[in-house]
Each structure stands twice: as C-alpha cells, then as structure tokens.
Amino acid sequence: MRCQTIPHVEYEILQHILDDIDISIVKETMVVGPRKNKAEERFDKGAKALTILLVNMMERRRHKLPEEHPDYKEKEA
C-alpha cells in the first residue's frame, strides 16, 4: 500500500520494528556476568516496557490510517 500520510508511514515503521527486528543479539550482549539472572530479568522488563510503548504509539495512529487499511479504526469520541 502506498504511503498516504506521515502517521501511516510511522505506523508501518513501528509495525516493522515489532515484527521483524530481532533483539536476541542485544540480549546476548547485555545478559552476561556473575548476576546473569538479574541482568536477564532487567532486560526482559525493559523489552516488555518498550513493546508496550511501541504498541501504544501504533494505537494512537490507527485512526489516521487510510480507511482501506486493515488496521484502520475510527477515532473514538
């Protein structure tokens, strides 16, 4: 689908980040050392928080998507 608005482009980029970017290499790099379990817990919490942030960003753009977009949702009053 051709990009029709800036929020449409932003939405698609956010979707790509969530669907296609593998953060396992970052996790392997950061979860090291004698307190590996604690580091993994921190990493997982940070990744979860960031996922929630990205999903919220996408949600705020859904009403600005083209009406024919499968994820389009009318703005609630």
N, C-alpha and C. Protein backbone atom coordinates (compact mmCIF):
# COMPACT_ATOMS: atom_id res chain seq x y z
N MET A 1 0.84 -1.18 0.00
CA MET A 1 0.00 0.00 0.00
C MET A 1 0.89 1.24 0.00
N ARG A 2 0.57 2.18 -0.85
CA ARG A 2 1.32 3.42 -0.96
C ARG A 2 1.14 4.24 0.32
N CYS A 3 2.22 4.89 0.75
CA CYS A 3 2.11 5.73 1.95
C CYS A 3 1.26 6.96 1.61
N GLN A 4 0.29 7.21 2.47
CA GLN A 4 -0.65 8.29 2.20
C GLN A 4 -0.55 9.45 3.18
N THR A 5 -0.04 9.18 4.37
CA THR A 5 0.16 10.25 5.36
C THR A 5 1.41 9.92 6.17
N ILE A 6 1.93 10.91 6.86
CA ILE A 6 3.08 10.69 7.73
C ILE A 6 2.73 9.71 8.85
N PRO A 7 1.58 9.84 9.53
CA PRO A 7 1.23 8.84 10.54
C PRO A 7 1.12 7.42 9.97
N HIS A 8 0.71 7.29 8.71
CA HIS A 8 0.66 5.98 8.06
C HIS A 8 2.06 5.39 7.97
N VAL A 9 3.02 6.20 7.55
CA VAL A 9 4.41 5.75 7.47
C VAL A 9 4.93 5.38 8.85
N GLU A 10 4.66 6.22 9.84
CA GLU A 10 5.11 5.95 11.21
C GLU A 10 4.53 4.62 11.71
N TYR A 11 3.26 4.40 11.45
CA TYR A 11 2.60 3.17 11.88
C TYR A 11 3.29 1.95 11.26
N GLU A 12 3.54 2.00 9.97
CA GLU A 12 4.16 0.87 9.27
C GLU A 12 5.59 0.62 9.76
N ILE A 13 6.33 1.69 10.05
CA ILE A 13 7.70 1.52 10.59
C ILE A 13 7.64 0.88 11.97
N LEU A 14 6.73 1.34 12.82
CA LEU A 14 6.58 0.74 14.15
C LEU A 14 6.20 -0.74 14.04
N GLN A 15 5.31 -1.06 13.11
CA GLN A 15 4.91 -2.45 12.90
C GLN A 15 6.11 -3.29 12.47
N HIS A 16 6.92 -2.74 11.58
CA HIS A 16 8.13 -3.44 11.12
C HIS A 16 9.09 -3.68 12.29
N ILE A 17 9.27 -2.68 13.12
CA ILE A 17 10.16 -2.83 14.28
C ILE A 17 9.69 -3.97 15.17
N LEU A 18 8.41 -4.01 15.45
CA LEU A 18 7.87 -5.06 16.33
C LEU A 18 7.91 -6.44 15.68
N ASP A 19 7.65 -6.51 14.39
CA ASP A 19 7.55 -7.81 13.72
C ASP A 19 8.89 -8.39 13.27
N ASP A 20 9.81 -7.53 12.86
CA ASP A 20 10.97 -8.04 12.13
C ASP A 20 12.33 -7.79 12.76
N ILE A 21 12.41 -6.99 13.79
CA ILE A 21 13.72 -6.73 14.38
C ILE A 21 13.97 -7.70 15.53
N ASP A 22 15.04 -8.45 15.39
CA ASP A 22 15.41 -9.47 16.36
C ASP A 22 16.34 -8.84 17.40
N ILE A 23 15.90 -8.82 18.66
CA ILE A 23 16.72 -8.22 19.71
C ILE A 23 17.54 -9.25 20.47
N SER A 24 17.55 -10.48 20.00
CA SER A 24 18.28 -11.53 20.72
C SER A 24 19.79 -11.25 20.77
N ILE A 25 20.33 -10.62 19.75
CA ILE A 25 21.77 -10.29 19.75
C ILE A 25 22.06 -9.27 20.85
N VAL A 26 21.17 -8.29 21.00
CA VAL A 26 21.33 -7.29 22.06
C VAL A 26 21.25 -7.98 23.42
N LYS A 27 20.32 -8.91 23.55
CA LYS A 27 20.16 -9.64 24.81
C LYS A 27 21.42 -10.45 25.13
N GLU A 28 21.96 -11.13 24.14
CA GLU A 28 23.18 -11.91 24.35
C GLU A 28 24.34 -11.03 24.80
N THR A 29 24.41 -9.83 24.27
CA THR A 29 25.48 -8.90 24.62
C THR A 29 25.31 -8.34 26.03
N MET A 30 24.08 -8.09 26.44
CA MET A 30 23.82 -7.42 27.71
C MET A 30 23.64 -8.36 28.90
N VAL A 31 23.20 -9.58 28.63
CA VAL A 31 22.93 -10.52 29.73
C VAL A 31 24.17 -11.40 29.93
N VAL A 32 25.10 -10.84 30.67
CA VAL A 32 26.37 -11.53 30.95
C VAL A 32 26.78 -11.26 32.39
N GLY A 33 27.81 -11.93 32.81
CA GLY A 33 28.38 -11.65 34.12
C GLY A 33 27.88 -12.57 35.20
N PRO A 34 28.38 -12.33 36.41
CA PRO A 34 28.05 -13.22 37.53
C PRO A 34 26.58 -13.15 37.95
N ARG A 35 25.92 -12.03 37.70
CA ARG A 35 24.49 -11.89 38.07
C ARG A 35 23.63 -11.96 36.82
N LYS A 36 23.87 -13.00 36.02
CA LYS A 36 23.20 -13.16 34.74
C LYS A 36 21.68 -13.22 34.87
N ASN A 37 21.19 -13.89 35.91
CA ASN A 37 19.74 -14.00 36.09
C ASN A 37 19.10 -12.63 36.31
N LYS A 38 19.74 -11.80 37.11
CA LYS A 38 19.22 -10.45 37.38
C LYS A 38 19.27 -9.60 36.11
N ALA A 39 20.37 -9.74 35.37
CA ALA A 39 20.51 -8.98 34.12
C ALA A 39 19.43 -9.40 33.12
N GLU A 40 19.14 -10.69 33.06
CA GLU A 40 18.11 -11.17 32.14
C GLU A 40 16.74 -10.65 32.57
N GLU A 41 16.49 -10.62 33.86
CA GLU A 41 15.22 -10.08 34.37
C GLU A 41 15.07 -8.61 33.98
N ARG A 42 16.13 -7.84 34.16
CA ARG A 42 16.10 -6.41 33.78
C ARG A 42 15.86 -6.26 32.28
N PHE A 43 16.57 -7.05 31.49
CA PHE A 43 16.43 -6.95 30.04
C PHE A 43 14.99 -7.26 29.63
N ASP A 44 14.45 -8.34 30.15
CA ASP A 44 13.08 -8.73 29.79
C ASP A 44 12.07 -7.67 30.19
N LYS A 45 12.24 -7.06 31.36
CA LYS A 45 11.33 -5.99 31.79
C LYS A 45 11.45 -4.78 30.88
N GLY A 46 12.68 -4.43 30.50
CA GLY A 46 12.89 -3.30 29.60
C GLY A 46 12.30 -3.55 28.23
N ALA A 47 12.49 -4.76 27.71
CA ALA A 47 11.94 -5.12 26.39
C ALA A 47 10.41 -5.09 26.42
N LYS A 48 9.83 -5.59 27.50
CA LYS A 48 8.37 -5.59 27.63
C LYS A 48 7.84 -4.16 27.69
N ALA A 49 8.49 -3.30 28.47
CA ALA A 49 8.07 -1.90 28.58
C ALA A 49 8.16 -1.19 27.23
N LEU A 50 9.21 -1.47 26.49
CA LEU A 50 9.36 -0.84 25.18
C LEU A 50 8.32 -1.35 24.20
N THR A 51 8.00 -2.62 24.25
CA THR A 51 6.96 -3.18 23.39
C THR A 51 5.63 -2.49 23.67
N ILE A 52 5.30 -2.31 24.93
CA ILE A 52 4.06 -1.63 25.30
C ILE A 52 4.06 -0.20 24.76
N LEU A 53 5.18 0.49 24.87
CA LEU A 53 5.30 1.85 24.36
C LEU A 53 5.07 1.89 22.85
N LEU A 54 5.69 0.98 22.11
CA LEU A 54 5.53 0.96 20.65
C LEU A 54 4.10 0.63 20.25
N VAL A 55 3.48 -0.31 20.95
CA VAL A 55 2.08 -0.65 20.65
C VAL A 55 1.18 0.55 20.92
N ASN A 56 1.43 1.26 22.00
CA ASN A 56 0.65 2.47 22.30
C ASN A 56 0.84 3.53 21.22
N MET A 57 2.06 3.68 20.74
CA MET A 57 2.33 4.64 19.67
C MET A 57 1.54 4.25 18.41
N MET A 58 1.51 2.96 18.12
CA MET A 58 0.75 2.49 16.95
C MET A 58 -0.74 2.75 17.14
N GLU A 59 -1.23 2.46 18.32
CA GLU A 59 -2.65 2.62 18.61
C GLU A 59 -3.09 4.08 18.40
N ARG A 60 -2.24 5.02 18.78
CA ARG A 60 -2.58 6.44 18.63
C ARG A 60 -2.59 6.89 17.17
N ARG A 61 -2.12 6.06 16.26
CA ARG A 61 -2.09 6.41 14.85
C ARG A 61 -3.15 5.67 14.02
N ARG A 62 -3.83 4.71 14.61
CA ARG A 62 -4.76 3.86 13.85
C ARG A 62 -5.87 4.66 13.18
N HIS A 63 -6.38 5.69 13.84
CA HIS A 63 -7.46 6.47 13.24
C HIS A 63 -6.98 7.36 12.09
N LYS A 64 -5.66 7.51 11.96
CA LYS A 64 -5.09 8.33 10.88
C LYS A 64 -4.67 7.49 9.67
N LEU A 65 -4.85 6.18 9.78
CA LEU A 65 -4.53 5.30 8.65
C LEU A 65 -5.56 5.48 7.55
N PRO A 66 -5.20 5.15 6.32
CA PRO A 66 -6.22 5.18 5.25
C PRO A 66 -7.38 4.24 5.62
N GLU A 67 -8.58 4.62 5.28
CA GLU A 67 -9.75 3.83 5.67
C GLU A 67 -9.72 2.41 5.13
N GLU A 68 -9.02 2.20 4.02
CA GLU A 68 -8.95 0.85 3.44
C GLU A 68 -7.85 -0.01 4.09
N HIS A 69 -7.08 0.57 4.99
CA HIS A 69 -6.02 -0.19 5.69
C HIS A 69 -6.68 -1.20 6.62
N PRO A 70 -6.16 -2.44 6.67
CA PRO A 70 -6.79 -3.46 7.53
C PRO A 70 -6.78 -3.11 9.02
N ASP A 71 -5.86 -2.25 9.47
CA ASP A 71 -5.79 -1.89 10.88
C ASP A 71 -6.48 -0.56 11.20
N TYR A 72 -7.11 0.05 10.19
CA TYR A 72 -7.79 1.33 10.41
C TYR A 72 -8.88 1.17 11.48
N LYS A 73 -8.98 2.19 12.33
CA LYS A 73 -10.01 2.20 13.36
C LYS A 73 -10.48 3.65 13.51
N GLU A 74 -11.79 3.85 13.50
CA GLU A 74 -12.31 5.19 13.67
C GLU A 74 -11.92 5.76 15.03
N LYS A 75 -11.71 7.08 15.07
CA LYS A 75 -11.37 7.73 16.32
C LYS A 75 -12.58 7.73 17.24
N GLU A 76 -12.32 7.34 18.49
CA GLU A 76 -13.40 7.34 19.47
C GLU A 76 -13.63 8.75 19.97
N ALA A 77 -14.87 9.09 20.19
CA ALA A 77 -15.22 10.44 20.63
C ALA A 77 -14.88 10.68 22.07
